């Protein structure tokens, strides 16, 4: 009968062991499981926040990149506009300078023509005076006498008119 005592089931021992297990489980759950679970959830929340911040930073960086690309394109467009404006201004200034130079050249040509006409008239007057002097000397010699001033004037004027008419026909 001794062999039966060894294999026997002691209900009180089982109940006490189960009670110890429940108490131990409750204590572990209260003091260990909840704090560990709390730490794990805080770490998960921190990781989620870090990932969210990283995504936001990446989105912000992409937005900044697009903004800078647009600003760069805008700056290039402005630079092209400035260059075009400067080129147009330079062309207009060049055209104006050329027009002013043409006007000055035309003025110089007109002045030269005026001066040439004035010199031609002076030369005509000089020739007429010489002709008058020569004609007066020849007339005196031909007539052999001295003519009076009024006759002299009349002959000179008719001679000059004849020369002037024939000279105007040459032009």
N, C-alpha and C. Protein backbone atom coordinates (compact mmCIF):
# COMPACT_ATOMS: atom_id res chain seq x y z
N UNK A 1 0.77 -1.15 0.00
CA UNK A 1 0.00 0.00 0.00
C UNK A 1 0.83 1.25 0.00
N UNK A 2 1.85 1.04 0.13
CA UNK A 2 2.73 2.16 0.10
C UNK A 2 2.84 2.72 -1.32
N UNK A 3 2.71 1.98 -2.23
CA UNK A 3 2.82 2.45 -3.60
C UNK A 3 1.65 3.34 -3.95
N UNK A 4 0.58 3.23 -3.33
CA UNK A 4 -0.55 4.07 -3.63
C UNK A 4 -0.38 5.47 -3.04
N UNK A 5 0.29 5.62 -1.99
CA UNK A 5 0.49 6.94 -1.39
C UNK A 5 1.37 7.80 -2.27
N UNK A 6 2.22 7.21 -2.97
CA UNK A 6 3.16 7.97 -3.80
C UNK A 6 2.40 8.50 -5.03
N UNK A 7 1.49 7.77 -5.52
CA UNK A 7 0.78 8.16 -6.74
C UNK A 7 -0.52 8.87 -6.37
N UNK A 8 -0.78 9.13 -5.28
CA UNK A 8 -2.05 9.72 -4.91
C UNK A 8 -2.12 11.19 -5.30
N UNK A 9 -3.29 11.70 -5.49
CA UNK A 9 -3.54 13.07 -5.91
C UNK A 9 -4.00 13.83 -4.68
N UNK A 10 -3.29 14.93 -4.45
CA UNK A 10 -3.61 15.76 -3.31
C UNK A 10 -4.27 17.03 -3.84
N UNK A 11 -5.57 17.16 -3.63
CA UNK A 11 -6.33 18.28 -4.16
C UNK A 11 -5.92 19.59 -3.53
N UNK A 12 -5.60 19.55 -2.27
CA UNK A 12 -5.20 20.78 -1.59
C UNK A 12 -3.89 21.31 -2.17
N UNK A 13 -3.07 20.48 -2.46
CA UNK A 13 -1.77 20.88 -3.04
C UNK A 13 -2.01 21.48 -4.44
N UNK A 14 -2.89 20.88 -5.19
CA UNK A 14 -3.17 21.38 -6.55
C UNK A 14 -3.82 22.76 -6.46
N UNK A 15 -4.74 22.91 -5.53
CA UNK A 15 -5.45 24.19 -5.37
C UNK A 15 -4.45 25.27 -4.91
N UNK A 16 -3.59 24.91 -3.98
CA UNK A 16 -2.60 25.87 -3.50
C UNK A 16 -1.64 26.22 -4.64
N UNK A 17 -1.22 25.28 -5.42
CA UNK A 17 -0.32 25.54 -6.56
C UNK A 17 -1.01 26.43 -7.59
N UNK A 18 -2.29 26.15 -7.85
CA UNK A 18 -3.04 26.99 -8.80
C UNK A 18 -3.21 28.41 -8.24
N UNK A 19 -3.49 28.51 -6.94
CA UNK A 19 -3.63 29.82 -6.31
C UNK A 19 -2.31 30.57 -6.39
N UNK A 20 -1.20 29.86 -6.12
CA UNK A 20 0.13 30.49 -6.24
C UNK A 20 0.37 30.96 -7.69
N UNK A 21 -0.05 30.14 -8.64
CA UNK A 21 0.14 30.49 -10.06
C UNK A 21 -0.68 31.74 -10.41
N UNK A 22 -1.91 31.81 -9.96
CA UNK A 22 -2.78 32.96 -10.24
C UNK A 22 -2.21 34.21 -9.57
N UNK A 23 -1.80 34.08 -8.32
CA UNK A 23 -1.22 35.24 -7.61
C UNK A 23 0.05 35.70 -8.30
N UNK A 24 0.92 34.74 -8.64
CA UNK A 24 2.17 35.07 -9.33
C UNK A 24 1.86 35.72 -10.69
N UNK A 25 0.89 35.19 -11.43
CA UNK A 25 0.52 35.76 -12.72
C UNK A 25 -0.03 37.17 -12.54
N UNK A 26 -0.86 37.41 -11.55
CA UNK A 26 -1.42 38.74 -11.28
C UNK A 26 -0.32 39.73 -10.92
N UNK A 27 0.60 39.31 -10.05
CA UNK A 27 1.71 40.19 -9.64
C UNK A 27 2.60 40.52 -10.86
N UNK A 28 2.92 39.50 -11.63
CA UNK A 28 3.78 39.72 -12.81
C UNK A 28 3.05 40.63 -13.80
N UNK A 29 1.76 40.38 -13.99
CA UNK A 29 0.99 41.19 -14.91
C UNK A 29 0.94 42.63 -14.45
N UNK A 30 0.72 42.85 -13.18
CA UNK A 30 0.59 44.20 -12.64
C UNK A 30 1.93 44.92 -12.66
N UNK A 31 2.99 44.31 -12.20
CA UNK A 31 4.27 45.00 -12.04
C UNK A 31 5.23 44.84 -13.22
N UNK A 32 5.05 43.86 -14.03
CA UNK A 32 6.00 43.63 -15.10
C UNK A 32 5.36 43.79 -16.49
N UNK A 33 4.25 43.18 -16.73
CA UNK A 33 3.66 43.15 -18.06
C UNK A 33 3.16 44.54 -18.49
N UNK A 34 2.42 45.23 -17.59
CA UNK A 34 1.89 46.56 -17.94
C UNK A 34 3.01 47.57 -18.18
N UNK A 35 4.05 47.65 -17.33
CA UNK A 35 5.13 48.61 -17.61
C UNK A 35 5.89 48.27 -18.89
N UNK A 36 6.12 46.98 -19.15
CA UNK A 36 6.82 46.59 -20.37
C UNK A 36 5.95 46.93 -21.59
N UNK A 37 4.67 46.65 -21.48
CA UNK A 37 3.76 46.97 -22.56
C UNK A 37 3.72 48.50 -22.78
N UNK A 38 3.73 49.26 -21.70
CA UNK A 38 3.72 50.71 -21.77
C UNK A 38 5.01 51.23 -22.45
N UNK A 39 6.17 50.68 -22.09
CA UNK A 39 7.45 51.07 -22.69
C UNK A 39 7.45 50.73 -24.17
N UNK A 40 6.95 49.53 -24.50
CA UNK A 40 6.90 49.14 -25.90
C UNK A 40 5.97 50.06 -26.71
N UNK A 41 4.82 50.43 -26.16
CA UNK A 41 3.91 51.31 -26.89
C UNK A 41 4.51 52.71 -27.03
N UNK A 42 5.25 53.18 -26.00
CA UNK A 42 5.92 54.48 -26.10
C UNK A 42 7.00 54.46 -27.18
N UNK A 43 7.75 53.35 -27.25
CA UNK A 43 8.79 53.23 -28.27
C UNK A 43 8.15 53.17 -29.66
N UNK A 44 7.05 52.45 -29.78
CA UNK A 44 6.36 52.37 -31.06
C UNK A 44 5.84 53.75 -31.47
N UNK A 45 5.28 54.48 -30.52
CA UNK A 45 4.79 55.83 -30.78
C UNK A 45 5.94 56.76 -31.20
N UNK A 46 7.09 56.65 -30.52
CA UNK A 46 8.26 57.44 -30.87
C UNK A 46 8.74 57.11 -32.28
N UNK A 47 8.77 55.82 -32.60
CA UNK A 47 9.17 55.40 -33.95
C UNK A 47 8.19 55.93 -35.00
N UNK A 48 6.90 55.82 -34.69
CA UNK A 48 5.90 56.33 -35.63
C UNK A 48 6.07 57.83 -35.85
N UNK A 49 6.34 58.55 -34.75
CA UNK A 49 6.57 60.00 -34.85
C UNK A 49 7.81 60.31 -35.68
N UNK A 50 8.87 59.54 -35.48
CA UNK A 50 10.11 59.74 -36.24
C UNK A 50 9.86 59.48 -37.73
N UNK A 51 9.13 58.39 -38.05
CA UNK A 51 8.82 58.11 -39.44
C UNK A 51 7.95 59.22 -40.04
N UNK A 52 7.00 59.71 -39.28
CA UNK A 52 6.13 60.79 -39.74
C UNK A 52 6.95 62.06 -39.99
N UNK A 53 7.85 62.38 -39.05
CA UNK A 53 8.72 63.55 -39.22
C UNK A 53 9.63 63.38 -40.44
N UNK A 54 10.12 62.17 -40.65
CA UNK A 54 10.99 61.91 -41.81
C UNK A 54 10.20 62.09 -43.10
N UNK A 55 8.97 61.58 -43.12
CA UNK A 55 8.14 61.75 -44.31
C UNK A 55 7.82 63.22 -44.55
N UNK A 56 7.52 63.94 -43.47
CA UNK A 56 7.24 65.37 -43.60
C UNK A 56 8.47 66.12 -44.09
N UNK A 57 9.64 65.76 -43.56
CA UNK A 57 10.89 66.40 -43.99
C UNK A 57 11.15 66.10 -45.46
N UNK A 58 10.89 64.87 -45.89
CA UNK A 58 11.09 64.51 -47.29
C UNK A 58 10.11 65.29 -48.18
N UNK A 59 8.86 65.40 -47.73
CA UNK A 59 7.86 66.15 -48.50
C UNK A 59 8.26 67.63 -48.56
N UNK A 60 8.72 68.17 -47.44
CA UNK A 60 9.16 69.57 -47.40
C UNK A 60 10.38 69.78 -48.32
N UNK A 61 11.31 68.83 -48.30
CA UNK A 61 12.49 68.92 -49.16
C UNK A 61 12.07 68.88 -50.63
N UNK A 62 11.13 68.02 -50.97
CA UNK A 62 10.65 67.94 -52.35
C UNK A 62 9.95 69.25 -52.74
N UNK A 63 9.16 69.77 -51.82
CA UNK A 63 8.48 71.05 -52.08
C UNK A 63 9.51 72.17 -52.28
N UNK A 64 10.53 72.20 -51.43
CA UNK A 64 11.59 73.21 -51.56
C UNK A 64 12.35 73.05 -52.87
N UNK A 65 12.60 71.80 -53.25
CA UNK A 65 13.30 71.54 -54.51
C UNK A 65 12.49 72.08 -55.69
N UNK A 66 11.19 71.78 -55.68
CA UNK A 66 10.33 72.26 -56.75
C UNK A 66 10.26 73.79 -56.75
N UNK A 67 10.19 74.37 -55.55
CA UNK A 67 10.17 75.83 -55.44
C UNK A 67 11.44 76.44 -56.00
N UNK A 68 12.59 75.85 -55.67
CA UNK A 68 13.86 76.38 -56.16
C UNK A 68 13.99 76.19 -57.66
N UNK A 69 13.49 75.06 -58.15
CA UNK A 69 13.54 74.85 -59.61
C UNK A 69 12.68 75.90 -60.31
N UNK A 70 11.50 76.20 -59.74
CA UNK A 70 10.64 77.23 -60.32
C UNK A 70 11.31 78.59 -60.25
N UNK A 71 11.93 78.89 -59.10
CA UNK A 71 12.64 80.17 -58.98
C UNK A 71 13.80 80.24 -59.97
N UNK A 72 14.49 79.14 -60.16
CA UNK A 72 15.59 79.10 -61.10
C UNK A 72 15.08 79.34 -62.53
N UNK A 73 13.97 78.68 -62.87
CA UNK A 73 13.39 78.91 -64.19
C UNK A 73 12.96 80.36 -64.33
N UNK A 74 12.35 80.90 -63.27
CA UNK A 74 11.92 82.29 -63.29
C UNK A 74 13.12 83.23 -63.45
N UNK A 75 14.21 82.93 -62.74
CA UNK A 75 15.42 83.74 -62.85
C UNK A 75 16.01 83.65 -64.26
N UNK A 76 15.99 82.46 -64.83
CA UNK A 76 16.48 82.30 -66.20
C UNK A 76 15.62 83.09 -67.18
N UNK A 77 14.29 83.04 -66.97
CA UNK A 77 13.40 83.80 -67.84
C UNK A 77 13.66 85.30 -67.71
N UNK A 78 13.86 85.75 -66.44
CA UNK A 78 14.16 87.17 -66.22
C UNK A 78 15.48 87.55 -66.88
N UNK A 79 16.47 86.68 -66.75
CA UNK A 79 17.78 86.95 -67.36
C UNK A 79 17.63 87.04 -68.88
N UNK A 80 16.85 86.12 -69.46
CA UNK A 80 16.62 86.16 -70.91
C UNK A 80 15.91 87.46 -71.30
N UNK A 81 14.92 87.85 -70.49
CA UNK A 81 14.19 89.10 -70.78
C UNK A 81 15.12 90.30 -70.68
N UNK A 82 15.98 90.31 -69.67
CA UNK A 82 16.92 91.42 -69.50
C UNK A 82 17.89 91.47 -70.67
N UNK A 83 18.39 90.31 -71.07
CA UNK A 83 19.32 90.26 -72.20
C UNK A 83 18.62 90.74 -73.48
N UNK A 84 17.37 90.28 -73.68
CA UNK A 84 16.63 90.70 -74.87
C UNK A 84 16.39 92.21 -74.84
N UNK A 85 16.02 92.72 -73.67
CA UNK A 85 15.78 94.16 -73.54
C UNK A 85 17.05 94.95 -73.81
N UNK A 86 18.17 94.48 -73.24
CA UNK A 86 19.44 95.16 -73.46
C UNK A 86 19.84 95.11 -74.93
N UNK A 87 19.61 93.97 -75.58
CA UNK A 87 19.92 93.85 -77.00
C UNK A 87 19.06 94.79 -77.83
N UNK A 88 17.76 94.85 -77.49
CA UNK A 88 16.87 95.76 -78.21
C UNK A 88 17.29 97.21 -78.00
N UNK A 89 17.62 97.56 -76.74
CA UNK A 89 18.08 98.92 -76.45
C UNK A 89 19.34 99.25 -77.24
N UNK A 90 20.28 98.31 -77.26
CA UNK A 90 21.53 98.55 -77.99
C UNK A 90 21.24 98.71 -79.48
N UNK A 91 20.32 97.91 -80.01
CA UNK A 91 19.98 98.02 -81.44
C UNK A 91 19.35 99.38 -81.72
N UNK A 92 18.42 99.81 -80.84
CA UNK A 92 17.78 101.10 -81.03
C UNK A 92 18.81 102.24 -80.94
N UNK A 93 19.71 102.13 -79.98
CA UNK A 93 20.75 103.16 -79.84
C UNK A 93 21.64 103.17 -81.08
N UNK A 94 22.01 101.98 -81.56
CA UNK A 94 22.82 101.90 -82.76
C UNK A 94 22.11 102.50 -83.96
N UNK A 95 20.82 102.19 -84.09
CA UNK A 95 20.04 102.76 -85.19
C UNK A 95 19.97 104.28 -85.07
N UNK A 96 19.78 104.76 -83.84
CA UNK A 96 19.71 106.21 -83.62
C UNK A 96 21.05 106.87 -83.94
N UNK A 97 22.15 106.23 -83.52
CA UNK A 97 23.48 106.78 -83.80
C UNK A 97 23.74 106.81 -85.31
N UNK A 98 23.34 105.73 -86.00
CA UNK A 98 23.52 105.69 -87.46
C UNK A 98 22.67 106.78 -88.11
N UNK A 99 21.43 106.97 -87.66
CA UNK A 99 20.57 108.00 -88.23
C UNK A 99 21.16 109.39 -87.98
N UNK A 100 21.67 109.61 -86.76
CA UNK A 100 22.30 110.90 -86.47
C UNK A 100 23.53 111.11 -87.34
N UNK A 101 24.31 110.05 -87.55
CA UNK A 101 25.50 110.17 -88.41
C UNK A 101 25.08 110.48 -89.85
N UNK A 102 24.01 109.84 -90.31
CA UNK A 102 23.52 110.14 -91.67
C UNK A 102 23.06 111.59 -91.77
N UNK A 103 22.33 112.04 -90.73
CA UNK A 103 21.87 113.43 -90.74
C UNK A 103 23.06 114.39 -90.77
N UNK A 104 24.08 114.10 -89.95
CA UNK A 104 25.26 114.96 -89.95
C UNK A 104 25.96 114.92 -91.31
N UNK A 105 26.07 113.73 -91.89
CA UNK A 105 26.71 113.61 -93.20
C UNK A 105 25.92 114.38 -94.25
N UNK A 106 24.58 114.25 -94.20
CA UNK A 106 23.75 115.01 -95.14
C UNK A 106 23.94 116.51 -94.93
N UNK A 107 24.03 116.94 -93.67
CA UNK A 107 24.25 118.35 -93.37
C UNK A 107 25.60 118.81 -93.90
N UNK A 108 26.62 117.96 -93.74
CA UNK A 108 27.95 118.32 -94.25
C UNK A 108 27.92 118.41 -95.77
N UNK A 109 27.23 117.48 -96.43
CA UNK A 109 27.13 117.52 -97.89
C UNK A 109 26.39 118.77 -98.33
N UNK A 110 25.27 119.10 -97.66
CA UNK A 110 24.52 120.31 -98.01
C UNK A 110 25.37 121.56 -97.80
N UNK A 111 26.12 121.57 -96.68
CA UNK A 111 26.99 122.71 -96.41
C UNK A 111 28.07 122.83 -97.47
N UNK A 112 28.64 121.68 -97.87
CA UNK A 112 29.66 121.69 -98.91
C UNK A 112 29.08 122.19 -100.23
N UNK A 113 27.85 121.75 -100.55
CA UNK A 113 27.21 122.22 -101.78
C UNK A 113 26.95 123.72 -101.71
N UNK A 114 26.50 124.18 -100.55
CA UNK A 114 26.25 125.61 -100.36
C UNK A 114 27.56 126.39 -100.50
N UNK A 115 28.61 125.87 -99.85
CA UNK A 115 29.92 126.53 -99.94
C UNK A 115 30.42 126.54 -101.37
N UNK A 116 30.25 125.43 -102.08
CA UNK A 116 30.69 125.36 -103.47
C UNK A 116 29.91 126.37 -104.32
N UNK A 117 28.60 126.46 -104.10
CA UNK A 117 27.78 127.43 -104.84
C UNK A 117 28.23 128.86 -104.54
N UNK A 118 28.53 129.13 -103.26
CA UNK A 118 28.98 130.46 -102.86
C UNK A 118 30.34 130.77 -103.52
N UNK A 119 31.24 129.81 -103.53
CA UNK A 119 32.55 130.01 -104.16
C UNK A 119 32.39 130.22 -105.66
N UNK A 120 31.46 129.49 -106.28
CA UNK A 120 31.22 129.66 -107.72
C UNK A 120 30.71 131.06 -108.00
N UNK A 121 29.80 131.54 -107.14
CA UNK A 121 29.27 132.90 -107.34
C UNK A 121 30.37 133.94 -107.14
N UNK A 122 31.21 133.71 -106.11
CA UNK A 122 32.33 134.64 -105.90
C UNK A 122 33.25 134.64 -107.10
N UNK A 123 33.52 133.43 -107.62
CA UNK A 123 34.38 133.34 -108.80
C UNK A 123 33.72 134.05 -109.99
N UNK A 124 32.40 133.89 -110.16
CA UNK A 124 31.68 134.58 -111.24
C UNK A 124 31.81 136.09 -111.09
N UNK A 125 31.63 136.57 -109.87
CA UNK A 125 31.74 138.00 -109.61
C UNK A 125 33.15 138.49 -109.90
N UNK A 126 34.15 137.68 -109.49
CA UNK A 126 35.55 138.06 -109.77
C UNK A 126 35.82 138.11 -111.27
N UNK A 127 35.29 137.11 -111.98
CA UNK A 127 35.49 137.08 -113.43
C UNK A 127 34.80 138.27 -114.08
N UNK A 128 33.60 138.58 -113.59
CA UNK A 128 32.86 139.71 -114.15
C UNK A 128 33.64 141.01 -113.93
N UNK A 129 34.22 141.16 -112.74
CA UNK A 129 35.00 142.37 -112.46
C UNK A 129 36.21 142.45 -113.38
N UNK A 130 36.88 141.34 -113.57
CA UNK A 130 38.04 141.35 -114.46
C UNK A 130 37.63 141.65 -115.89
N UNK A 131 36.50 141.08 -116.30
CA UNK A 131 36.01 141.34 -117.65
C UNK A 131 35.68 142.82 -117.82
N UNK A 132 35.07 143.38 -116.76
CA UNK A 132 34.72 144.79 -116.81
C UNK A 132 35.99 145.63 -116.96
N UNK A 133 37.00 145.30 -116.17
CA UNK A 133 38.25 146.06 -116.23
C UNK A 133 38.90 145.91 -117.60
N UNK A 134 38.94 144.67 -118.11
CA UNK A 134 39.56 144.43 -119.41
C UNK A 134 38.75 145.11 -120.51
N UNK A 135 37.44 145.01 -120.42
CA UNK A 135 36.60 145.61 -121.46
C UNK A 135 36.71 147.14 -121.44
N UNK A 136 36.85 147.70 -120.25
CA UNK A 136 37.00 149.16 -120.17
C UNK A 136 38.32 149.56 -120.81
N UNK A 137 39.38 148.80 -120.54
CA UNK A 137 40.68 149.13 -121.13
C UNK A 137 40.65 148.97 -122.64
N UNK A 138 40.03 147.91 -123.12
CA UNK A 138 39.94 147.69 -124.56
C UNK A 138 39.08 148.75 -125.24
N UNK A 139 38.04 149.11 -124.58
CA UNK A 139 37.13 150.12 -125.16
C UNK A 139 37.87 151.44 -125.29
N UNK A 140 38.63 151.78 -124.29
CA UNK A 140 39.38 153.03 -124.35
C UNK A 140 40.38 153.00 -125.50
N UNK A 141 41.04 151.91 -125.64
CA UNK A 141 42.03 151.81 -126.71
C UNK A 141 41.37 151.80 -128.07
N UNK A 142 40.24 151.12 -128.18
CA UNK A 142 39.57 151.04 -129.48
C UNK A 142 39.03 152.42 -129.86
N UNK A 143 38.41 153.02 -128.96
CA UNK A 143 37.81 154.31 -129.27
C UNK A 143 38.87 155.42 -129.30
N UNK A 144 39.94 155.14 -128.64
CA UNK A 144 41.01 156.10 -128.63
C UNK A 144 40.70 157.29 -127.77
N UNK A 145 39.81 157.22 -127.05
CA UNK A 145 39.44 158.32 -126.18
C UNK A 145 38.88 157.77 -124.89
N UNK A 146 38.69 158.64 -124.01
CA UNK A 146 38.14 158.24 -122.73
C UNK A 146 36.63 158.43 -122.80
N UNK A 147 35.91 157.43 -122.34
CA UNK A 147 34.47 157.54 -122.40
C UNK A 147 33.96 158.03 -121.05
N UNK A 148 32.81 158.58 -121.07
CA UNK A 148 32.27 159.09 -119.80
C UNK A 148 31.72 157.93 -118.97
N UNK A 149 31.44 158.23 -117.75
CA UNK A 149 31.05 157.20 -116.78
C UNK A 149 29.72 156.57 -117.16
N UNK A 150 28.82 157.34 -117.63
CA UNK A 150 27.50 156.81 -117.95
C UNK A 150 27.58 155.86 -119.14
N UNK A 151 28.31 156.21 -120.17
CA UNK A 151 28.48 155.35 -121.33
C UNK A 151 29.21 154.07 -120.92
N UNK A 152 30.21 154.29 -120.12
CA UNK A 152 31.01 153.15 -119.63
C UNK A 152 30.12 152.16 -118.88
N UNK A 153 29.27 152.67 -118.02
CA UNK A 153 28.36 151.80 -117.24
C UNK A 153 27.42 151.05 -118.17
N UNK A 154 26.86 151.69 -119.07
CA UNK A 154 25.89 151.08 -119.98
C UNK A 154 26.54 149.97 -120.78
N UNK A 155 27.72 150.18 -121.28
CA UNK A 155 28.41 149.16 -122.06
C UNK A 155 28.77 147.96 -121.18
N UNK A 156 29.22 148.23 -119.99
CA UNK A 156 29.61 147.14 -119.07
C UNK A 156 28.40 146.31 -118.72
N UNK A 157 27.30 146.97 -118.40
CA UNK A 157 26.09 146.22 -118.01
C UNK A 157 25.59 145.35 -119.16
N UNK A 158 25.60 145.87 -120.36
CA UNK A 158 25.13 145.06 -121.49
C UNK A 158 26.09 143.91 -121.75
N UNK A 159 27.37 144.16 -121.62
CA UNK A 159 28.36 143.09 -121.81
C UNK A 159 28.20 142.00 -120.75
N UNK A 160 28.03 142.42 -119.48
CA UNK A 160 27.87 141.46 -118.38
C UNK A 160 26.59 140.66 -118.55
N UNK A 161 25.52 141.33 -118.96
CA UNK A 161 24.27 140.60 -119.17
C UNK A 161 24.44 139.57 -120.27
N UNK A 162 25.16 139.92 -121.27
CA UNK A 162 25.42 138.96 -122.37
C UNK A 162 26.26 137.78 -121.90
N UNK A 163 27.27 138.07 -121.08
CA UNK A 163 28.11 137.01 -120.54
C UNK A 163 27.32 136.14 -119.56
N UNK A 164 26.52 136.81 -118.72
CA UNK A 164 25.73 136.07 -117.74
C UNK A 164 24.74 135.16 -118.41
N UNK A 165 24.10 135.62 -119.51
CA UNK A 165 23.15 134.79 -120.22
C UNK A 165 23.82 133.61 -120.88
N UNK A 166 24.97 133.87 -121.48
CA UNK A 166 25.67 132.76 -122.14
C UNK A 166 26.23 131.79 -121.11
N UNK A 167 26.66 132.30 -119.94
CA UNK A 167 27.18 131.42 -118.88
C UNK A 167 26.06 130.58 -118.27
N UNK A 168 24.86 131.16 -118.09
CA UNK A 168 23.74 130.42 -117.54
C UNK A 168 23.30 129.33 -118.51
N UNK A 169 23.46 129.53 -119.76
CA UNK A 169 23.11 128.50 -120.74
C UNK A 169 24.08 127.34 -120.70
N UNK A 170 25.31 127.54 -120.23
CA UNK A 170 26.32 126.48 -120.15
C UNK A 170 25.99 125.52 -119.03
N UNK A 171 25.45 126.00 -117.96
CA UNK A 171 25.15 125.14 -116.81
C UNK A 171 24.22 124.09 -117.26
